[in-house]
Amino acid sequence: QVQLVESGGGLVQPGGSLRLSCAASGIIFSIYVMGWYRQAPGKERELVAAITGGGRTNYADSVKGRFTISRDNAKNTVYLQMNSLKPDDTAVYYCNADGRPLDPGNYWGQGTQVTVSS
């Protein structure tokens, strides 16, 4: 059974930082592209950042220079360090695991709320 368990969300003031974690089980973690997506109220889910098994990264323009995605293949965990947070970053953040093309699996975590407000 595949599980993606996110943690680290919460309430933070503008300019603050948070670190999200996503622990994966039930997959061959090192071959999966791991991503963080977010969905704000009334908006579509969007990609925030992604990282390949080899460590190549991709970021949404809106978070470049502020967010950093990383992974620890030994711990089956992906992280999202979020700095200089803005109210527009408020959303539910979801972890995604995409095994294509090596594995057909595509899985989602349950989501964690991030609220940026003073």
C-alpha atoms as a PDB file:
ATOM      1  CA  GLN A   1       0.000   0.000   0.000  1.00  0.00           C
ATOM      2  CA  VAL A   2       1.359   3.369  -1.034  1.00  0.00           C
ATOM      3  CA  GLN A   3       1.298   6.174   1.489  1.00  0.00           C
ATOM      4  CA  LEU A   4       2.457   9.765   1.256  1.00  0.00           C
ATOM      5  CA  VAL A   5       2.287  11.522   4.609  1.00  0.00           C
ATOM      6  CA  GLU A   6       2.812  15.274   4.685  1.00  0.00           C
ATOM      7  CA  SER A   7       3.713  17.326   7.733  1.00  0.00           C
ATOM      8  CA  GLY A   8       4.963  20.785   8.618  1.00  0.00           C
ATOM      9  CA  GLY A   9       2.117  23.038   7.592  1.00  0.00           C
ATOM     10  CA  GLY A  10       0.691  25.746   9.797  1.00  0.00           C
ATOM     11  CA  LEU A  11       0.151  29.453  10.327  1.00  0.00           C
ATOM     12  CA  VAL A  12       3.040  31.825   9.702  1.00  0.00           C
ATOM     13  CA  GLN A  13       3.406  35.576   9.379  1.00  0.00           C
ATOM     14  CA  PRO A  14       4.382  37.180   6.073  1.00  0.00           C
ATOM     15  CA  GLY A  15       8.132  36.956   5.605  1.00  0.00           C
ATOM     16  CA  GLY A  16       8.348  33.832   7.711  1.00  0.00           C
ATOM     17  CA  SER A  17       9.459  30.310   6.881  1.00  0.00           C
ATOM     18  CA  LEU A  18       8.074  26.805   6.989  1.00  0.00           C
ATOM     19  CA  ARG A  19       9.458  23.423   6.056  1.00  0.00           C
ATOM     20  CA  LEU A  20       7.140  20.767   4.678  1.00  0.00           C
ATOM     21  CA  SER A  21       8.014  17.073   4.725  1.00  0.00           C
ATOM     22  CA  CYS A  22       6.508  14.163   2.835  1.00  0.00           C
ATOM     23  CA  ALA A  23       7.375  10.628   3.893  1.00  0.00           C
ATOM     24  CA  ALA A  24       6.688   7.963   1.282  1.00  0.00           C
ATOM     25  CA  SER A  25       6.185   4.244   1.708  1.00  0.00           C
ATOM     26  CA  GLY A  26       5.211   1.432  -0.626  1.00  0.00           C
ATOM     27  CA  ILE A  27       7.105   2.756  -3.657  1.00  0.00           C
ATOM     28  CA  ILE A  28      10.618   2.516  -5.047  1.00  0.00           C
ATOM     29  CA  PHE A  29      11.246   6.061  -3.920  1.00  0.00           C
ATOM     30  CA  SER A  30      14.479   6.699  -5.812  1.00  0.00           C
ATOM     31  CA  ILE A  31      12.874   6.269  -9.253  1.00  0.00           C
ATOM     32  CA  TYR A  32       9.931   8.572  -8.556  1.00  0.00           C
ATOM     33  CA  VAL A  33       9.720  12.234  -9.436  1.00  0.00           C
ATOM     34  CA  MET A  34       8.508  13.901  -6.253  1.00  0.00           C
ATOM     35  CA  GLY A  35       6.534  17.091  -6.434  1.00  0.00           C
ATOM     36  CA  TRP A  36       4.775  19.639  -4.284  1.00  0.00           C
ATOM     37  CA  TYR A  37       1.537  21.118  -5.563  1.00  0.00           C
ATOM     38  CA  ARG A  38      -0.797  23.625  -3.963  1.00  0.00           C
ATOM     39  CA  GLN A  39      -4.418  24.594  -4.251  1.00  0.00           C
ATOM     40  CA  ALA A  40      -5.838  27.843  -2.953  1.00  0.00           C
ATOM     41  CA  PRO A  41      -9.585  28.374  -2.461  1.00  0.00           C
ATOM     42  CA  GLY A  42     -11.307  28.895  -5.798  1.00  0.00           C
ATOM     43  CA  LYS A  43      -8.176  28.098  -7.783  1.00  0.00           C
ATOM     44  CA  GLU A  44      -6.858  25.081  -9.632  1.00  0.00           C
ATOM     45  CA  ARG A  45      -4.133  22.904  -8.219  1.00  0.00           C
ATOM     46  CA  GLU A  46      -0.725  24.071  -9.441  1.00  0.00           C
ATOM     47  CA  LEU A  47       2.789  22.703  -9.432  1.00  0.00           C
ATOM     48  CA  VAL A  48       5.070  24.418  -6.937  1.00  0.00           C
ATOM     49  CA  ALA A  49       8.261  22.398  -7.314  1.00  0.00           C
ATOM     50  CA  ALA A  50       9.457  18.980  -8.421  1.00  0.00           C
ATOM     51  CA  ILE A  51      12.627  16.947  -8.075  1.00  0.00           C
ATOM     52  CA  THR A  52      13.815  13.867  -9.948  1.00  0.00           C
ATOM     53  CA  GLY A  53      15.478  10.876  -8.346  1.00  0.00           C
ATOM     54  CA  GLY A  54      18.819  12.297  -9.447  1.00  0.00           C
ATOM     55  CA  GLY A  55      18.128  15.678  -7.907  1.00  0.00           C
ATOM     56  CA  ARG A  56      17.151  17.779 -10.917  1.00  0.00           C
ATOM     57  CA  THR A  57      14.652  20.443  -9.830  1.00  0.00           C
ATOM     58  CA  ASN A  58      11.913  22.530 -11.365  1.00  0.00           C
ATOM     59  CA  TYR A  59      10.067  25.476  -9.782  1.00  0.00           C
ATOM     60  CA  ALA A  60       7.055  27.611 -10.484  1.00  0.00           C
ATOM     61  CA  ASP A  61       8.090  31.158 -11.360  1.00  0.00           C
ATOM     62  CA  SER A  62       6.150  32.477  -8.365  1.00  0.00           C
ATOM     63  CA  VAL A  63       8.357  30.635  -5.867  1.00  0.00           C
ATOM     64  CA  LYS A  64      11.784  30.749  -7.515  1.00  0.00           C
ATOM     65  CA  GLY A  65      14.384  32.097  -5.134  1.00  0.00           C
ATOM     66  CA  ARG A  66      12.125  31.606  -2.105  1.00  0.00           C
ATOM     67  CA  PHE A  67      11.346  27.873  -2.022  1.00  0.00           C
ATOM     68  CA  THR A  68      13.755  24.939  -2.158  1.00  0.00           C
ATOM     69  CA  ILE A  69      12.791  21.336  -2.826  1.00  0.00           C
ATOM     70  CA  SER A  70      15.088  18.530  -1.714  1.00  0.00           C
ATOM     71  CA  ARG A  71      14.930  14.812  -1.109  1.00  0.00           C
ATOM     72  CA  ASP A  72      16.608  12.167   1.005  1.00  0.00           C
ATOM     73  CA  ASN A  73      16.393   8.870  -0.859  1.00  0.00           C
ATOM     74  CA  ALA A  74      17.684   6.974   2.177  1.00  0.00           C
ATOM     75  CA  LYS A  75      14.740   8.251   4.228  1.00  0.00           C
ATOM     76  CA  ASN A  76      12.141   8.127   1.423  1.00  0.00           C
ATOM     77  CA  THR A  77      11.344  11.743   2.196  1.00  0.00           C
ATOM     78  CA  VAL A  78      10.971  14.922   0.164  1.00  0.00           C
ATOM     79  CA  TYR A  79      11.092  18.396   1.666  1.00  0.00           C
ATOM     80  CA  LEU A  80       9.956  21.872   0.710  1.00  0.00           C
ATOM     81  CA  GLN A  81      11.724  24.724   2.462  1.00  0.00           C
ATOM     82  CA  MET A  82       9.609  27.844   2.106  1.00  0.00           C
ATOM     83  CA  ASN A  83      11.150  31.210   2.922  1.00  0.00           C
ATOM     84  CA  SER A  84       9.923  34.786   2.565  1.00  0.00           C
ATOM     85  CA  LEU A  85       6.354  33.554   2.620  1.00  0.00           C
ATOM     86  CA  LYS A  86       3.613  35.774   1.244  1.00  0.00           C
ATOM     87  CA  PRO A  87      -0.157  35.770   1.789  1.00  0.00           C
ATOM     88  CA  ASP A  88      -0.504  34.523  -1.806  1.00  0.00           C
ATOM     89  CA  ASP A  89       1.298  31.334  -0.736  1.00  0.00           C
ATOM     90  CA  THR A  90      -1.701  30.403   1.409  1.00  0.00           C
ATOM     91  CA  ALA A  91      -3.045  27.077   0.157  1.00  0.00           C
ATOM     92  CA  VAL A  92      -3.314  23.392   0.837  1.00  0.00           C
ATOM     93  CA  TYR A  93      -0.002  21.839  -0.180  1.00  0.00           C
ATOM     94  CA  TYR A  94       0.010  18.325  -1.613  1.00  0.00           C
ATOM     95  CA  CYS A  95       2.842  15.880  -2.079  1.00  0.00           C
ATOM     96  CA  ASN A  96       2.878  13.923  -5.350  1.00  0.00           C
ATOM     97  CA  ALA A  97       4.846  10.873  -6.417  1.00  0.00           C
ATOM     98  CA  ASP A  98       5.070  10.181 -10.159  1.00  0.00           C
ATOM     99  CA  GLY A  99       6.806   6.996 -11.306  1.00  0.00           C
ATOM    100  CA  ARG A 100       6.361   7.480 -15.057  1.00  0.00           C
ATOM    101  CA  PRO A 101       7.830   6.306 -17.340  1.00  0.00           C
ATOM    102  CA  LEU A 102       9.577   3.636 -15.275  1.00  0.00           C
ATOM    103  CA  ASP A 103       6.521   2.862 -13.129  1.00  0.00           C
ATOM    104  CA  PRO A 104       2.877   3.678 -13.904  1.00  0.00           C
ATOM    105  CA  GLY A 105       2.104   4.798 -10.377  1.00  0.00           C
ATOM    106  CA  ASN A 106       1.011   8.351  -9.570  1.00  0.00           C
ATOM    107  CA  TYR A 107       0.078   9.073  -5.984  1.00  0.00           C
ATOM    108  CA  TRP A 108      -1.062  11.979  -3.792  1.00  0.00           C
ATOM    109  CA  GLY A 109      -0.800  12.799  -0.137  1.00  0.00           C
ATOM    110  CA  GLN A 110      -3.696  14.081   1.925  1.00  0.00           C
ATOM    111  CA  GLY A 111      -2.508  17.680   1.922  1.00  0.00           C
ATOM    112  CA  THR A 112      -1.322  20.091   4.587  1.00  0.00           C
ATOM    113  CA  GLN A 113      -2.628  23.615   5.136  1.00  0.00           C
ATOM    114  CA  VAL A 114      -0.252  26.553   4.913  1.00  0.00           C
ATOM    115  CA  THR A 115      -1.657  29.912   5.971  1.00  0.00           C
ATOM    116  CA  VAL A 116       0.366  33.106   5.658  1.00  0.00           C
ATOM    117  CA  SER A 117      -1.267  35.903   7.584  1.00  0.00           C
ATOM    118  CA  SER A 118      -0.499  38.603  10.098  1.00  0.00           C
END
